[in-house]
């Protein structure tokens, strides 16, 4: 069984690598924005650290950023271990309807949740930037203004995407339990000598 491979573990690992690359790229962009804001305070660019320090809308950014690291990056990589265990260790490869459940897990859990977390980051950054005092490169707006004009419009799509995205791990978990509890395939009989 040393040459056995899990198709689903491979798909989840590749997806985790892609998600990790996205977060690496975003982190590099944020570092450049932070450097530009520090070097040229009159640039009109608000540093991410100022956004986070404002709290309120900046908390949306923080939760979105950390959530993206935890769910689409680490959670997807960890899910690969579950698929590997069932398909390789237990010898129960996914077939038929189990493949559909695994696809739902992969797609909904990464795309819907990933987009919801990206919207949290977007709203948090721009909302927080609007709240940063003008002398620090922000918009100087009140929390009420930011919630009414930036964050309020994002709440329904974020909630909907989280709800749809939660179906992914739920359906993947149902498939995992079904595969885990399925009757083990019979091993090829070896003639006795």
C-alpha atoms as a PDB file:
ATOM      1  CA  UNK A   1       0.000   0.000   0.000  1.00  0.00           C
ATOM      2  CA  UNK A   2       3.066   2.261  -0.025  1.00  0.00           C
ATOM      3  CA  UNK A   3       2.286   3.369  -3.580  1.00  0.00           C
ATOM      4  CA  UNK A   4      -1.338   4.258  -2.758  1.00  0.00           C
ATOM      5  CA  UNK A   5      -2.323   7.883  -3.102  1.00  0.00           C
ATOM      6  CA  UNK A   6      -5.332   9.910  -2.081  1.00  0.00           C
ATOM      7  CA  UNK A   7      -6.800  11.915  -4.916  1.00  0.00           C
ATOM      8  CA  UNK A   8      -8.701  14.111  -2.475  1.00  0.00           C
ATOM      9  CA  UNK A   9      -5.751  14.700  -0.166  1.00  0.00           C
ATOM     10  CA  UNK A  10      -3.770  15.908  -3.180  1.00  0.00           C
ATOM     11  CA  UNK A  11      -6.579  18.278  -4.230  1.00  0.00           C
ATOM     12  CA  UNK A  12      -6.896  19.704  -0.734  1.00  0.00           C
ATOM     13  CA  UNK A  13      -3.119  20.149  -0.353  1.00  0.00           C
ATOM     14  CA  UNK A  14      -2.894  21.981  -3.687  1.00  0.00           C
ATOM     15  CA  UNK A  15      -5.799  24.201  -2.688  1.00  0.00           C
ATOM     16  CA  UNK A  16      -4.162  24.955   0.686  1.00  0.00           C
ATOM     17  CA  UNK A  17      -0.957  25.881  -1.149  1.00  0.00           C
ATOM     18  CA  UNK A  18      -2.872  28.206  -3.472  1.00  0.00           C
ATOM     19  CA  UNK A  19      -4.699  29.798  -0.538  1.00  0.00           C
ATOM     20  CA  UNK A  20      -1.397  30.202   1.316  1.00  0.00           C
ATOM     21  CA  UNK A  21       0.128  31.867  -1.732  1.00  0.00           C
ATOM     22  CA  UNK A  22      -2.800  34.297  -1.875  1.00  0.00           C
ATOM     23  CA  UNK A  23      -2.243  35.207   1.781  1.00  0.00           C
ATOM     24  CA  UNK A  24       1.503  35.560   1.252  1.00  0.00           C
ATOM     25  CA  UNK A  25       0.837  37.955  -1.641  1.00  0.00           C
ATOM     26  CA  UNK A  26      -1.666  39.945   0.416  1.00  0.00           C
ATOM     27  CA  UNK A  27       0.795  40.168   3.304  1.00  0.00           C
ATOM     28  CA  UNK A  28       3.498  41.480   0.975  1.00  0.00           C
ATOM     29  CA  UNK A  29       1.101  44.106  -0.406  1.00  0.00           C
ATOM     30  CA  UNK A  30       0.181  45.165   3.134  1.00  0.00           C
ATOM     31  CA  UNK A  31       3.867  45.475   4.047  1.00  0.00           C
ATOM     32  CA  UNK A  32       4.503  47.690   1.015  1.00  0.00           C
ATOM     33  CA  UNK A  33       1.461  49.824   1.868  1.00  0.00           C
ATOM     34  CA  UNK A  34       2.740  50.116   5.436  1.00  0.00           C
ATOM     35  CA  UNK A  35       6.222  51.161   4.273  1.00  0.00           C
ATOM     36  CA  UNK A  36       4.813  53.756   1.829  1.00  0.00           C
ATOM     37  CA  UNK A  37       2.524  55.162   4.544  1.00  0.00           C
ATOM     38  CA  UNK A  38       5.472  55.365   6.968  1.00  0.00           C
ATOM     39  CA  UNK A  39       7.965  56.873   4.518  1.00  0.00           C
ATOM     40  CA  UNK A  40       5.500  59.311   2.966  1.00  0.00           C
ATOM     41  CA  UNK A  41       2.793  60.232   5.506  1.00  0.00           C
ATOM     42  CA  UNK A  42       1.323  62.786   3.071  1.00  0.00           C
ATOM     43  CA  UNK A  43       0.726  60.101   0.416  1.00  0.00           C
ATOM     44  CA  UNK A  44      -2.889  59.669   1.455  1.00  0.00           C
ATOM     45  CA  UNK A  45      -2.279  55.971   2.084  1.00  0.00           C
ATOM     46  CA  UNK A  46      -3.379  54.646   5.460  1.00  0.00           C
ATOM     47  CA  UNK A  47      -1.092  52.086   7.076  1.00  0.00           C
ATOM     48  CA  UNK A  48      -2.656  48.725   7.968  1.00  0.00           C
ATOM     49  CA  UNK A  49      -1.368  49.091  11.530  1.00  0.00           C
ATOM     50  CA  UNK A  50      -3.352  52.352  11.907  1.00  0.00           C
ATOM     51  CA  UNK A  51      -6.449  50.579  10.597  1.00  0.00           C
ATOM     52  CA  UNK A  52      -6.037  47.742  13.088  1.00  0.00           C
ATOM     53  CA  UNK A  53      -5.363  50.164  15.952  1.00  0.00           C
ATOM     54  CA  UNK A  54      -8.672  51.967  15.343  1.00  0.00           C
ATOM     55  CA  UNK A  55     -10.600  48.896  16.494  1.00  0.00           C
ATOM     56  CA  UNK A  56     -14.222  48.954  15.331  1.00  0.00           C
ATOM     57  CA  UNK A  57     -13.953  48.515  11.531  1.00  0.00           C
ATOM     58  CA  UNK A  58     -10.282  47.584  11.882  1.00  0.00           C
ATOM     59  CA  UNK A  59     -11.419  44.543  13.851  1.00  0.00           C
ATOM     60  CA  UNK A  60     -13.228  43.345  10.736  1.00  0.00           C
ATOM     61  CA  UNK A  61      -9.920  43.452   8.901  1.00  0.00           C
ATOM     62  CA  UNK A  62      -8.125  41.546  11.675  1.00  0.00           C
ATOM     63  CA  UNK A  63     -10.806  38.849  11.887  1.00  0.00           C
ATOM     64  CA  UNK A  64     -10.882  38.461   8.100  1.00  0.00           C
ATOM     65  CA  UNK A  65      -7.095  38.174   7.874  1.00  0.00           C
ATOM     66  CA  UNK A  66      -6.718  35.682  10.725  1.00  0.00           C
ATOM     67  CA  UNK A  67      -9.827  33.776   9.635  1.00  0.00           C
ATOM     68  CA  UNK A  68      -8.417  33.393   6.122  1.00  0.00           C
ATOM     69  CA  UNK A  69      -5.195  31.979   7.532  1.00  0.00           C
ATOM     70  CA  UNK A  70      -7.097  29.547   9.750  1.00  0.00           C
ATOM     71  CA  UNK A  71      -9.920  28.285   7.515  1.00  0.00           C
ATOM     72  CA  UNK A  72      -8.906  28.276   3.824  1.00  0.00           C
ATOM     73  CA  UNK A  73      -5.177  27.800   4.470  1.00  0.00           C
ATOM     74  CA  UNK A  74      -4.734  25.649   7.596  1.00  0.00           C
ATOM     75  CA  UNK A  75      -8.215  24.087   7.582  1.00  0.00           C
ATOM     76  CA  UNK A  76      -7.911  22.965   3.973  1.00  0.00           C
ATOM     77  CA  UNK A  77      -4.469  21.474   4.604  1.00  0.00           C
ATOM     78  CA  UNK A  78      -5.760  19.677   7.677  1.00  0.00           C
ATOM     79  CA  UNK A  79      -8.735  18.327   5.727  1.00  0.00           C
ATOM     80  CA  UNK A  80      -6.247  16.658   3.379  1.00  0.00           C
ATOM     81  CA  UNK A  81      -5.132  14.482   6.300  1.00  0.00           C
ATOM     82  CA  UNK A  82      -8.675  13.233   6.822  1.00  0.00           C
ATOM     83  CA  UNK A  83      -9.048  12.323   3.167  1.00  0.00           C
ATOM     84  CA  UNK A  84      -5.635  10.632   3.157  1.00  0.00           C
ATOM     85  CA  UNK A  85      -6.574   8.594   6.216  1.00  0.00           C
ATOM     86  CA  UNK A  86      -9.825   7.305   4.709  1.00  0.00           C
ATOM     87  CA  UNK A  87      -8.546   6.729   1.179  1.00  0.00           C
ATOM     88  CA  UNK A  88      -5.053   5.396   1.892  1.00  0.00           C
ATOM     89  CA  UNK A  89      -4.830   4.172   5.478  1.00  0.00           C
ATOM     90  CA  UNK A  90      -8.323   2.680   5.567  1.00  0.00           C
ATOM     91  CA  UNK A  91      -8.245   1.750   1.869  1.00  0.00           C
ATOM     92  CA  UNK A  92     -11.632   3.290   1.072  1.00  0.00           C
ATOM     93  CA  UNK A  93     -11.268   5.544  -1.990  1.00  0.00           C
ATOM     94  CA  UNK A  94     -14.034   8.009  -2.684  1.00  0.00           C
ATOM     95  CA  UNK A  95     -16.470   6.949  -5.407  1.00  0.00           C
ATOM     96  CA  UNK A  96     -19.825   8.143  -6.710  1.00  0.00           C
ATOM     97  CA  UNK A  97     -21.765  10.367  -4.320  1.00  0.00           C
ATOM     98  CA  UNK A  98     -18.805  10.637  -1.965  1.00  0.00           C
ATOM     99  CA  UNK A  99     -16.927  12.489  -4.704  1.00  0.00           C
ATOM    100  CA  UNK A 100     -19.800  14.981  -4.946  1.00  0.00           C
ATOM    101  CA  UNK A 101     -19.652  15.603  -1.191  1.00  0.00           C
ATOM    102  CA  UNK A 102     -15.877  16.048  -1.321  1.00  0.00           C
ATOM    103  CA  UNK A 103     -16.183  18.531  -4.225  1.00  0.00           C
ATOM    104  CA  UNK A 104     -18.785  20.479  -2.237  1.00  0.00           C
ATOM    105  CA  UNK A 105     -16.389  20.549   0.715  1.00  0.00           C
ATOM    106  CA  UNK A 106     -13.498  21.760  -1.402  1.00  0.00           C
ATOM    107  CA  UNK A 107     -15.365  24.372  -3.437  1.00  0.00           C
ATOM    108  CA  UNK A 108     -17.827  25.794  -0.917  1.00  0.00           C
ATOM    109  CA  UNK A 109     -15.348  25.660   1.956  1.00  0.00           C
ATOM    110  CA  UNK A 110     -12.724  27.550   0.010  1.00  0.00           C
ATOM    111  CA  UNK A 111     -14.541  29.848  -2.376  1.00  0.00           C
ATOM    112  CA  UNK A 112     -17.564  30.952  -0.327  1.00  0.00           C
ATOM    113  CA  UNK A 113     -15.724  31.195   2.989  1.00  0.00           C
ATOM    114  CA  UNK A 114     -12.661  32.702   1.286  1.00  0.00           C
ATOM    115  CA  UNK A 115     -14.742  35.418  -0.382  1.00  0.00           C
ATOM    116  CA  UNK A 116     -16.599  36.141   2.887  1.00  0.00           C
ATOM    117  CA  UNK A 117     -13.292  36.564   4.726  1.00  0.00           C
ATOM    118  CA  UNK A 118     -11.893  38.686   1.889  1.00  0.00           C
ATOM    119  CA  UNK A 119     -14.954  40.970   2.168  1.00  0.00           C
ATOM    120  CA  UNK A 120     -14.336  41.237   5.905  1.00  0.00           C
ATOM    121  CA  UNK A 121     -10.758  42.315   5.191  1.00  0.00           C
ATOM    122  CA  UNK A 122     -11.882  44.751   2.481  1.00  0.00           C
ATOM    123  CA  UNK A 123     -14.551  46.377   4.620  1.00  0.00           C
ATOM    124  CA  UNK A 124     -12.306  46.405   7.654  1.00  0.00           C
ATOM    125  CA  UNK A 125      -9.394  48.017   5.861  1.00  0.00           C
ATOM    126  CA  UNK A 126     -11.367  50.714   4.069  1.00  0.00           C
ATOM    127  CA  UNK A 127     -13.705  51.277   7.000  1.00  0.00           C
ATOM    128  CA  UNK A 128     -10.778  51.488   9.406  1.00  0.00           C
ATOM    129  CA  UNK A 129      -8.898  53.797   7.035  1.00  0.00           C
ATOM    130  CA  UNK A 130     -11.940  56.079   6.939  1.00  0.00           C
ATOM    131  CA  UNK A 131     -11.892  56.226  10.757  1.00  0.00           C
ATOM    132  CA  UNK A 132      -8.173  56.985  11.141  1.00  0.00           C
ATOM    133  CA  UNK A 133      -7.618  60.678  11.942  1.00  0.00           C
ATOM    134  CA  UNK A 134      -6.800  62.861   8.939  1.00  0.00           C
ATOM    135  CA  UNK A 135      -3.380  63.829  10.343  1.00  0.00           C
ATOM    136  CA  UNK A 136      -2.444  60.114  10.301  1.00  0.00           C
ATOM    137  CA  UNK A 137      -3.514  59.627   6.683  1.00  0.00           C
ATOM    138  CA  UNK A 138      -7.086  58.534   7.280  1.00  0.00           C
ATOM    139  CA  UNK A 139     -10.490  59.910   6.459  1.00  0.00           C
ATOM    140  CA  UNK A 140     -11.408  61.154   9.948  1.00  0.00           C
ATOM    141  CA  UNK A 141     -14.933  59.716   9.760  1.00  0.00           C
ATOM    142  CA  UNK A 142     -17.001  58.565  12.723  1.00  0.00           C
ATOM    143  CA  UNK A 143     -17.756  54.928  13.481  1.00  0.00           C
ATOM    144  CA  UNK A 144     -21.437  55.593  12.752  1.00  0.00           C
ATOM    145  CA  UNK A 145     -20.592  56.967   9.291  1.00  0.00           C
ATOM    146  CA  UNK A 146     -18.343  53.975   8.507  1.00  0.00           C
ATOM    147  CA  UNK A 147     -20.956  51.447   9.608  1.00  0.00           C
ATOM    148  CA  UNK A 148     -23.691  53.204   7.641  1.00  0.00           C
ATOM    149  CA  UNK A 149     -21.679  53.799   4.454  1.00  0.00           C
ATOM    150  CA  UNK A 150     -19.139  50.972   4.217  1.00  0.00           C
ATOM    151  CA  UNK A 151     -19.745  48.051   6.557  1.00  0.00           C
ATOM    152  CA  UNK A 152     -23.554  47.987   6.505  1.00  0.00           C
ATOM    153  CA  UNK A 153     -23.686  47.107   2.807  1.00  0.00           C
ATOM    154  CA  UNK A 154     -21.217  44.256   3.303  1.00  0.00           C
ATOM    155  CA  UNK A 155     -23.067  42.508   6.127  1.00  0.00           C
ATOM    156  CA  UNK A 156     -25.732  40.667   4.015  1.00  0.00           C
ATOM    157  CA  UNK A 157     -23.299  39.214   1.432  1.00  0.00           C
ATOM    158  CA  UNK A 158     -20.796  38.234   4.129  1.00  0.00           C
ATOM    159  CA  UNK A 159     -23.494  36.476   6.173  1.00  0.00           C
ATOM    160  CA  UNK A 160     -24.855  34.705   3.097  1.00  0.00           C
ATOM    161  CA  UNK A 161     -21.395  33.577   1.988  1.00  0.00           C
ATOM    162  CA  UNK A 162     -20.608  32.219   5.457  1.00  0.00           C
ATOM    163  CA  UNK A 163     -23.884  30.303   5.466  1.00  0.00           C
ATOM    164  CA  UNK A 164     -23.240  28.826   2.011  1.00  0.00           C
ATOM    165  CA  UNK A 165     -19.588  28.206   2.874  1.00  0.00           C
ATOM    166  CA  UNK A 166     -20.504  26.330   6.055  1.00  0.00           C
ATOM    167  CA  UNK A 167     -22.286  23.763   3.883  1.00  0.00           C
ATOM    168  CA  UNK A 168     -18.891  22.755   2.444  1.00  0.00           C
ATOM    169  CA  UNK A 169     -17.342  21.319   5.619  1.00  0.00           C
ATOM    170  CA  UNK A 170     -20.749  19.957   6.657  1.00  0.00           C
ATOM    171  CA  UNK A 171     -21.174  18.025   3.390  1.00  0.00           C
ATOM    172  CA  UNK A 172     -17.506  16.995   3.446  1.00  0.00           C
ATOM    173  CA  UNK A 173     -17.980  15.723   6.997  1.00  0.00           C
ATOM    174  CA  UNK A 174     -21.039  13.707   5.971  1.00  0.00           C
ATOM    175  CA  UNK A 175     -19.014  12.151   3.144  1.00  0.00           C
ATOM    176  CA  UNK A 176     -16.115  11.466   5.489  1.00  0.00           C
ATOM    177  CA  UNK A 177     -18.345   9.694   8.018  1.00  0.00           C
ATOM    178  CA  UNK A 178     -20.021   7.676   5.248  1.00  0.00           C
ATOM    179  CA  UNK A 179     -16.627   6.607   3.862  1.00  0.00           C
ATOM    180  CA  UNK A 180     -15.284   5.933   7.354  1.00  0.00           C
ATOM    181  CA  UNK A 181     -18.230   3.698   8.246  1.00  0.00           C
ATOM    182  CA  UNK A 182     -18.417   1.953   4.865  1.00  0.00           C
ATOM    183  CA  UNK A 183     -17.583  -1.682   4.621  1.00  0.00           C
ATOM    184  CA  UNK A 184     -13.886  -2.124   3.939  1.00  0.00           C
ATOM    185  CA  UNK A 185     -13.074  -3.429   0.447  1.00  0.00           C
ATOM    186  CA  UNK A 186     -12.098  -7.050   0.456  1.00  0.00           C
ATOM    187  CA  UNK A 187      -8.393  -7.663   0.034  1.00  0.00           C
ATOM    188  CA  UNK A 188      -7.314  -9.858  -2.831  1.00  0.00           C
ATOM    189  CA  UNK A 189      -7.038 -13.418  -1.638  1.00  0.00           C
ATOM    190  CA  UNK A 190      -3.538 -14.755  -1.549  1.00  0.00           C
ATOM    191  CA  UNK A 191      -3.228 -18.466  -2.295  1.00  0.00           C
ATOM    192  CA  UNK A 192      -1.630 -20.461   0.495  1.00  0.00           C
ATOM    193  CA  UNK A 193       1.461 -22.346  -0.442  1.00  0.00           C
END
